[in-house]
Amino acid sequence: MVSLRALAPSLTRITIAAAIGAALHVGQGNCDIVDAKAVEFSRAVLAQTDIEGEVICCEGPKDHAPAFTIREKVGTGHGPKVEFVVDPVDGTTAASKGRKDAISALACAPADCFKFSRTMGTTSSGNRQQFNRQD
């Protein structure tokens, strides 16, 4: 079995790709294009990575921004089974305005290691909805 340490160079390429995609549009004032290009570039690198991966959490849907989809399958389908929590651009507004302090973030773990619950909004009665990971 391949260790996550052995995957480190590939994981680094994913965040670099996201940063390059976003960098092409820094300072143009359009948050959506910054997010869209970061996702597009990182998705392209993920598609070439020898993993059987799944995105289990990402920032975009919360903000209605371009993003990976929850439970999106990524990688070539060959290699270790891993899960991702990914935010191709954290600081999209800052990047779109040409300011500093934006990063590309990614966490990776063997399949079924991440345990979380995620709040996704409120119901019409004002109660918070809690969405737990379902297998």
Foldseek 3Di string as FASTA:
>chain_A
DDDVVNCVVLVVQLLVQLVVQLLVQFQQQDLQSSQQRSQVRSQVSQQAAQEFEFEQAEDCVLVVHDDDDHRDTTHVNHDFYKYKYWYSWDCSRCRNNNHDDIGTDMDMDGPPPDFDKDWRQADPVRHTDIGGDDD
